[in-house]
Amino acid sequence: MFSVGERSRGRYEIERRYPALRIALTTAALLLTSSAVAEAQPVGDRVEVNGMQMYYEVSGDGDPLVVLHGAYMNIPSMGEIITKLAETHQVYALELQGHGRTTDIDRPITYPNLADDVAAFMDAVGLERADVFGYSMGAAAGLQLAIRHPEKVNKLAAASVAYDAEGWQPEFRTFVPQMTVEMFLEMPMAEEYRELAADPDGFPALVEKLIALEHEPMAWEEDVRAMNTPVLIITADADVTTLEHSVSLFRLLGGGGMGDMGNPLPASRLAVLPATSHTAVITQPDLLHAFIEPFLKGETPQGFQ
């Protein structure tokens, strides 16, 4: 066993040597905070999806909205944005393969696999179509859902998403080859994982799959260009994706032109959060909600008449 001081020094040394790990460490810290208590408690359940028992929670009333979390996360670590969205939507918050209370299966975690899982989940619970909000890994899964199963997605709000591996920040792309399972086992999230996990000893296997996910090919430009689904791209000005990549994604979806010239605005939108790192995106529920809700309702600011 290590003393508190030894654990603190060990964590400091990991952060010093691998600055990009602050992304994972901050995300892990979010696991310590639950979302605000809603007036009506969400209802949790499980359903069989592609050989796994997928855990999900339903809250709120209104048009259906599927919420997809990031890597190493779960429903509680998505924070208050779920509660706020449930004020006007019936929210289906999912826990993806091997995350939270959802079981793992003998299969890699890839974005197409995750997208197919979400599609199968929607079939299992009788959701013909829905809006989707995804963060980080969940945003990429949502993007693949719109590519592979466009008939299931009305609108997609995607926070911190890339469509090509070249869109990740250079520091992150340099860090990916250095990732090891042992590195993540030293982090607080390793112990926190056990609190909800269907398999309390499954964290090393999950990490191995998520490291492999970072090495999966990602080059979806032509698929994105062919999309008709309206997408709200939410990025931070200090995100894991570059700003240039987010603008490129917006242009692929038909955005980036000048308004006020007699043509309607594009169906897709781009929002940039100021003074915000990757993990700070999800800790600003009021700001996120101010972007997501008007997008889902189709509301736009009025210019001069």
Protein backbone atom coordinates (compact mmCIF):
# COMPACT_ATOMS: atom_id res chain seq x y z
CA MET A 1 0.00 0.00 0.00
CA PHE A 2 1.11 3.56 -0.67
CA SER A 3 0.73 6.44 1.75
CA VAL A 4 -1.31 9.49 0.76
CA GLY A 5 1.91 11.42 0.19
CA GLU A 6 3.37 8.70 -1.98
CA ARG A 7 0.19 8.50 -4.06
CA SER A 8 0.16 12.29 -4.48
CA ARG A 9 3.81 12.35 -5.54
CA GLY A 10 3.16 9.47 -7.96
CA ARG A 11 0.23 11.25 -9.53
CA TYR A 12 2.22 14.49 -9.78
CA GLU A 13 5.06 12.65 -11.54
CA ILE A 14 2.66 11.11 -14.08
CA GLU A 15 1.13 14.52 -14.79
CA ARG A 16 4.56 16.12 -15.11
CA ARG A 17 5.82 13.51 -17.57
CA TYR A 18 2.59 13.17 -19.51
CA PRO A 19 0.73 16.52 -19.57
CA ALA A 20 -1.96 15.11 -21.84
CA LEU A 21 -3.03 12.83 -19.03
CA ARG A 22 -4.63 15.82 -17.35
CA ILE A 23 -7.49 15.21 -19.78
CA ALA A 24 -8.10 11.78 -18.30
CA LEU A 25 -7.40 12.88 -14.73
CA THR A 26 -9.87 15.74 -14.89
CA THR A 27 -12.49 13.48 -16.44
CA ALA A 28 -11.91 11.03 -13.61
CA ALA A 29 -12.42 13.79 -11.07
CA LEU A 30 -15.85 14.39 -12.55
CA LEU A 31 -16.85 10.93 -11.38
CA LEU A 32 -16.85 12.28 -7.84
CA THR A 33 -19.70 14.67 -8.58
CA SER A 34 -23.21 13.54 -9.40
CA SER A 35 -25.69 15.52 -11.45
CA ALA A 36 -28.10 17.76 -9.59
CA VAL A 37 -31.16 16.01 -8.21
CA ALA A 38 -33.99 16.42 -10.65
CA GLU A 39 -37.56 16.96 -9.57
CA ALA A 40 -38.38 13.51 -10.96
CA GLN A 41 -35.67 10.91 -10.45
CA PRO A 42 -34.47 9.18 -13.64
CA VAL A 43 -35.60 5.61 -14.13
CA GLY A 44 -32.77 3.13 -14.72
CA ASP A 45 -33.06 -0.15 -16.59
CA ARG A 46 -31.06 -2.63 -18.67
CA VAL A 47 -31.69 -4.04 -22.11
CA GLU A 48 -29.81 -6.64 -24.14
CA VAL A 49 -27.87 -5.02 -26.97
CA ASN A 50 -25.53 -6.98 -29.23
CA GLY A 51 -24.73 -9.49 -26.50
CA MET A 52 -24.23 -7.00 -23.67
CA GLN A 53 -26.54 -5.81 -20.92
CA MET A 54 -26.74 -2.07 -21.61
CA TYR A 55 -27.69 0.20 -18.71
CA TYR A 56 -29.67 3.36 -19.42
CA GLU A 57 -31.72 5.97 -17.61
CA VAL A 58 -34.83 7.78 -18.79
CA SER A 59 -35.80 11.20 -17.45
CA GLY A 60 -38.00 14.10 -18.46
CA ASP A 61 -40.80 14.50 -20.99
CA GLY A 62 -40.89 15.67 -24.57
CA ASP A 63 -39.24 14.65 -27.80
CA PRO A 64 -36.68 11.84 -27.33
CA LEU A 65 -33.02 12.75 -26.93
CA VAL A 66 -30.24 10.15 -26.64
CA VAL A 67 -27.18 11.21 -24.58
CA LEU A 68 -23.79 9.52 -25.10
CA HIS A 69 -20.90 9.96 -22.66
CA GLY A 70 -17.15 10.17 -23.25
CA ALA A 71 -14.44 7.57 -22.72
CA TYR A 72 -13.91 6.37 -19.12
CA MET A 73 -17.16 8.12 -18.17
CA ASN A 74 -20.71 7.10 -17.25
CA ILE A 75 -24.10 8.76 -16.74
CA PRO A 76 -23.27 10.52 -13.44
CA SER A 77 -20.03 11.96 -14.80
CA MET A 78 -21.92 13.73 -17.59
CA GLY A 79 -23.10 16.06 -14.85
CA GLU A 80 -26.00 18.51 -14.86
CA ILE A 81 -26.45 18.76 -18.64
CA ILE A 82 -28.66 15.65 -18.54
CA THR A 83 -30.91 17.24 -15.91
CA LYS A 84 -31.20 20.47 -17.90
CA LEU A 85 -31.99 18.68 -21.15
CA ALA A 86 -34.63 16.62 -19.34
CA GLU A 87 -36.57 19.82 -18.61
CA THR A 88 -37.82 19.84 -22.20
CA HIS A 89 -36.93 16.39 -23.60
CA GLN A 90 -37.36 12.75 -22.73
CA VAL A 91 -33.70 11.92 -22.24
CA TYR A 92 -32.31 8.44 -22.77
CA ALA A 93 -28.83 8.48 -21.21
CA LEU A 94 -26.79 5.41 -22.15
CA GLU A 95 -23.72 3.72 -20.69
CA LEU A 96 -21.68 2.33 -23.56
CA GLN A 97 -19.79 -0.96 -23.86
CA GLY A 98 -17.80 -1.75 -20.72
CA HIS A 99 -18.58 1.62 -19.14
CA GLY A 100 -20.52 2.22 -15.95
CA ARG A 101 -23.11 -0.49 -15.35
CA THR A 102 -23.06 -1.85 -18.92
CA THR A 103 -21.32 -5.18 -19.34
CA ASP A 104 -18.34 -5.68 -21.64
CA ILE A 105 -18.23 -8.26 -24.44
CA ASP A 106 -15.47 -9.98 -26.39
CA ARG A 107 -15.30 -7.29 -29.07
CA PRO A 108 -13.18 -4.20 -29.72
CA ILE A 109 -14.55 -0.78 -28.88
CA THR A 110 -14.73 1.10 -32.16
CA TYR A 111 -16.85 4.06 -33.22
CA PRO A 112 -18.82 2.02 -35.78
CA ASN A 113 -19.45 -0.65 -33.12
CA LEU A 114 -20.64 1.96 -30.63
CA ALA A 115 -22.90 3.52 -33.27
CA ASP A 116 -24.42 0.15 -34.10
CA ASP A 117 -24.98 -0.43 -30.37
CA VAL A 118 -26.92 2.82 -30.10
CA ALA A 119 -29.01 1.90 -33.14
CA ALA A 120 -29.75 -1.52 -31.65
CA PHE A 121 -30.61 0.11 -28.31
CA MET A 122 -33.12 2.39 -30.02
CA ASP A 123 -34.74 -0.61 -31.69
CA ALA A 124 -34.85 -2.48 -28.36
CA VAL A 125 -36.67 0.32 -26.52
CA GLY A 126 -38.91 1.30 -29.43
CA LEU A 127 -37.25 4.59 -30.42
CA GLU A 128 -37.74 5.02 -34.16
CA ARG A 129 -35.90 8.37 -34.32
CA ALA A 130 -34.35 10.74 -31.82
CA ASP A 131 -32.09 13.72 -31.41
CA VAL A 132 -28.62 12.86 -30.11
CA PHE A 133 -26.15 14.68 -27.87
CA GLY A 134 -22.69 13.17 -27.51
CA TYR A 135 -19.51 14.28 -25.80
CA SER A 136 -15.99 13.26 -26.89
CA MET A 137 -16.09 9.50 -27.59
CA GLY A 138 -19.87 9.74 -27.45
CA ALA A 139 -19.82 12.54 -30.02
CA ALA A 140 -17.78 10.44 -32.44
CA ALA A 141 -20.17 7.53 -31.85
CA GLY A 142 -23.04 9.93 -32.58
CA LEU A 143 -21.36 11.07 -35.79
CA GLN A 144 -20.99 7.44 -36.88
CA LEU A 145 -24.62 6.84 -35.92
CA ALA A 146 -25.68 9.64 -38.27
CA ILE A 147 -23.43 8.19 -41.01
CA ARG A 148 -24.41 4.53 -40.62
CA HIS A 149 -28.03 4.92 -39.46
CA PRO A 150 -29.19 8.34 -40.70
CA GLU A 151 -32.83 7.31 -40.48
CA LYS A 152 -32.52 7.19 -36.69
CA VAL A 153 -31.09 10.68 -36.08
CA ASN A 154 -33.10 13.89 -36.33
CA LYS A 155 -30.36 16.27 -35.15
CA LEU A 156 -26.92 15.65 -33.65
CA ALA A 157 -25.21 17.89 -31.09
CA ALA A 158 -21.57 16.78 -31.01
CA ALA A 159 -19.19 18.22 -28.43
CA SER A 160 -15.42 17.76 -28.87
CA VAL A 161 -15.63 15.61 -31.98
CA ALA A 162 -13.25 14.80 -34.84
CA TYR A 163 -13.89 13.20 -38.21
CA ASP A 164 -10.22 12.50 -38.97
CA ALA A 165 -7.31 11.51 -36.73
CA GLU A 166 -5.33 14.41 -38.20
CA GLY A 167 -7.75 16.72 -36.43
CA TRP A 168 -6.46 15.88 -32.96
CA GLN A 169 -4.07 18.35 -31.40
CA PRO A 170 -0.39 17.54 -32.17
CA GLU A 171 0.31 17.05 -28.46
CA PHE A 172 -2.40 14.43 -28.20
CA ARG A 173 -1.29 12.59 -31.34
CA THR A 174 2.23 12.48 -29.92
CA PHE A 175 0.92 11.16 -26.62
CA VAL A 176 -1.21 8.31 -28.01
CA PRO A 177 1.73 5.96 -28.78
CA GLN A 178 2.94 6.43 -25.18
CA MET A 179 -0.30 5.24 -23.61
CA THR A 180 -0.11 2.07 -21.51
CA VAL A 181 -2.62 0.22 -19.38
CA GLU A 182 -0.33 0.55 -16.36
CA MET A 183 -0.36 4.32 -16.69
CA PHE A 184 -4.14 4.44 -16.27
CA LEU A 185 -4.12 1.97 -13.40
CA GLU A 186 -2.27 4.60 -11.35
CA MET A 187 -5.12 7.07 -11.70
CA PRO A 188 -8.07 7.61 -9.33
CA MET A 189 -10.49 6.54 -12.08
CA ALA A 190 -9.22 2.96 -11.72
CA GLU A 191 -10.71 2.69 -8.24
CA GLU A 192 -13.75 4.83 -9.03
CA TYR A 193 -14.59 2.51 -11.91
CA ARG A 194 -15.29 -0.28 -9.41
CA GLU A 195 -18.12 1.65 -7.75
CA LEU A 196 -20.55 1.18 -10.66
CA ALA A 197 -18.96 -1.43 -12.90
CA ALA A 198 -20.79 -4.60 -13.81
CA ASP A 199 -17.36 -6.26 -13.51
CA PRO A 200 -15.37 -4.46 -10.77
CA ASP A 201 -12.15 -6.05 -12.05
CA GLY A 202 -12.75 -5.11 -15.67
CA PHE A 203 -10.94 -1.76 -15.76
CA PRO A 204 -7.64 -3.01 -17.26
CA ALA A 205 -9.52 -4.69 -20.12
CA LEU A 206 -11.51 -1.50 -20.73
CA VAL A 207 -8.35 0.61 -20.81
CA GLU A 208 -6.75 -1.78 -23.28
CA LYS A 209 -9.73 -1.43 -25.60
CA LEU A 210 -9.84 2.35 -25.28
CA ILE A 211 -6.12 2.63 -26.04
CA ALA A 212 -6.74 0.48 -29.11
CA LEU A 213 -9.59 2.84 -30.06
CA GLU A 214 -7.09 5.72 -30.25
CA HIS A 215 -5.17 3.71 -32.86
CA GLU A 216 -8.25 2.91 -34.97
CA PRO A 217 -8.27 4.53 -38.45
CA MET A 218 -10.39 7.66 -38.57
CA ALA A 219 -10.88 9.29 -41.97
CA TRP A 220 -14.56 10.03 -42.47
CA GLU A 221 -14.47 13.11 -44.74
CA GLU A 222 -16.45 11.64 -47.62
CA ASP A 223 -19.02 10.14 -45.25
CA VAL A 224 -19.46 13.50 -43.50
CA ARG A 225 -19.73 15.35 -46.79
CA ALA A 226 -22.61 13.06 -47.79
CA MET A 227 -24.55 13.60 -44.54
CA ASN A 228 -27.91 15.33 -44.47
CA THR A 229 -28.31 15.28 -40.69
CA PRO A 230 -28.08 18.75 -39.09
CA VAL A 231 -25.12 18.86 -36.69
CA LEU A 232 -24.29 21.30 -33.92
CA ILE A 233 -20.50 21.19 -33.53
CA ILE A 234 -19.47 22.28 -30.04
CA THR A 235 -15.76 22.77 -29.48
CA ALA A 236 -13.55 24.45 -26.91
CA ASP A 237 -10.87 26.97 -27.81
CA ALA A 238 -8.37 24.67 -26.06
CA ASP A 239 -9.94 21.34 -26.96
CA VAL A 240 -8.36 18.01 -27.88
CA THR A 241 -9.34 18.80 -31.47
CA THR A 242 -7.88 21.80 -33.26
CA LEU A 243 -10.07 24.78 -34.02
CA GLU A 244 -9.14 24.44 -37.69
CA HIS A 245 -10.51 20.90 -37.70
CA SER A 246 -13.82 21.98 -36.18
CA VAL A 247 -14.16 24.71 -38.82
CA SER A 248 -13.33 22.17 -41.52
CA LEU A 249 -16.07 19.88 -40.20
CA PHE A 250 -18.50 22.79 -40.24
CA ARG A 251 -17.64 23.55 -43.86
CA LEU A 252 -18.08 19.91 -44.87
CA LEU A 253 -21.61 20.17 -43.47
CA GLY A 254 -22.38 23.27 -45.52
CA GLY A 255 -21.50 25.97 -43.02
CA GLY A 256 -19.05 28.85 -43.03
CA GLY A 257 -20.64 31.14 -45.61
CA MET A 258 -21.91 34.65 -45.10
CA GLY A 259 -25.42 35.21 -43.84
CA ASP A 260 -27.59 38.25 -44.61
CA MET A 261 -27.26 37.67 -48.36
CA GLY A 262 -30.76 36.36 -48.96
CA ASN A 263 -30.00 32.68 -48.50
CA PRO A 264 -31.13 30.67 -45.48
CA LEU A 265 -28.55 29.77 -42.85
CA PRO A 266 -27.19 26.21 -43.01
CA ALA A 267 -28.89 23.55 -40.93
CA SER A 268 -25.63 22.81 -39.10
CA ARG A 269 -24.01 25.14 -36.58
CA LEU A 270 -20.67 25.77 -34.88
CA ALA A 271 -20.18 26.93 -31.28
CA VAL A 272 -16.82 27.65 -29.62
CA LEU A 273 -16.52 27.74 -25.82
CA PRO A 274 -13.97 30.34 -24.68
CA ALA A 275 -11.20 29.68 -22.15
CA THR A 276 -12.18 26.02 -22.10
CA SER A 277 -10.17 22.80 -22.15
CA HIS A 278 -11.48 19.45 -23.33
CA THR A 279 -12.72 18.25 -19.94
CA ALA A 280 -14.11 21.68 -19.04
CA VAL A 281 -16.63 21.42 -21.88
CA ILE A 282 -18.92 19.13 -19.92
CA THR A 283 -18.61 21.16 -16.68
CA GLN A 284 -20.49 24.14 -18.19
CA PRO A 285 -24.08 22.83 -18.42
CA ASP A 286 -25.73 26.24 -18.65
CA LEU A 287 -23.58 27.27 -21.59
CA LEU A 288 -23.99 23.91 -23.30
CA HIS A 289 -27.74 24.06 -22.84
CA ALA A 290 -27.84 27.58 -24.28
CA PHE A 291 -26.31 26.19 -27.49
CA ILE A 292 -28.09 22.83 -27.66
CA GLU A 293 -31.69 23.82 -26.90
CA PRO A 294 -32.10 26.48 -29.65
CA PHE A 295 -30.44 24.11 -32.13
CA LEU A 296 -32.85 21.29 -31.36
CA LYS A 297 -35.80 23.72 -31.56
CA GLY A 298 -34.58 25.25 -34.81
CA GLU A 299 -34.35 28.74 -33.31
CA THR A 300 -31.96 31.31 -34.78
CA PRO A 301 -31.08 34.86 -33.67
CA GLN A 302 -32.83 37.57 -35.65
CA GLY A 303 -30.74 39.93 -37.76
CA PHE A 304 -31.73 43.26 -39.30
CA GLN A 305 -34.94 43.19 -41.33
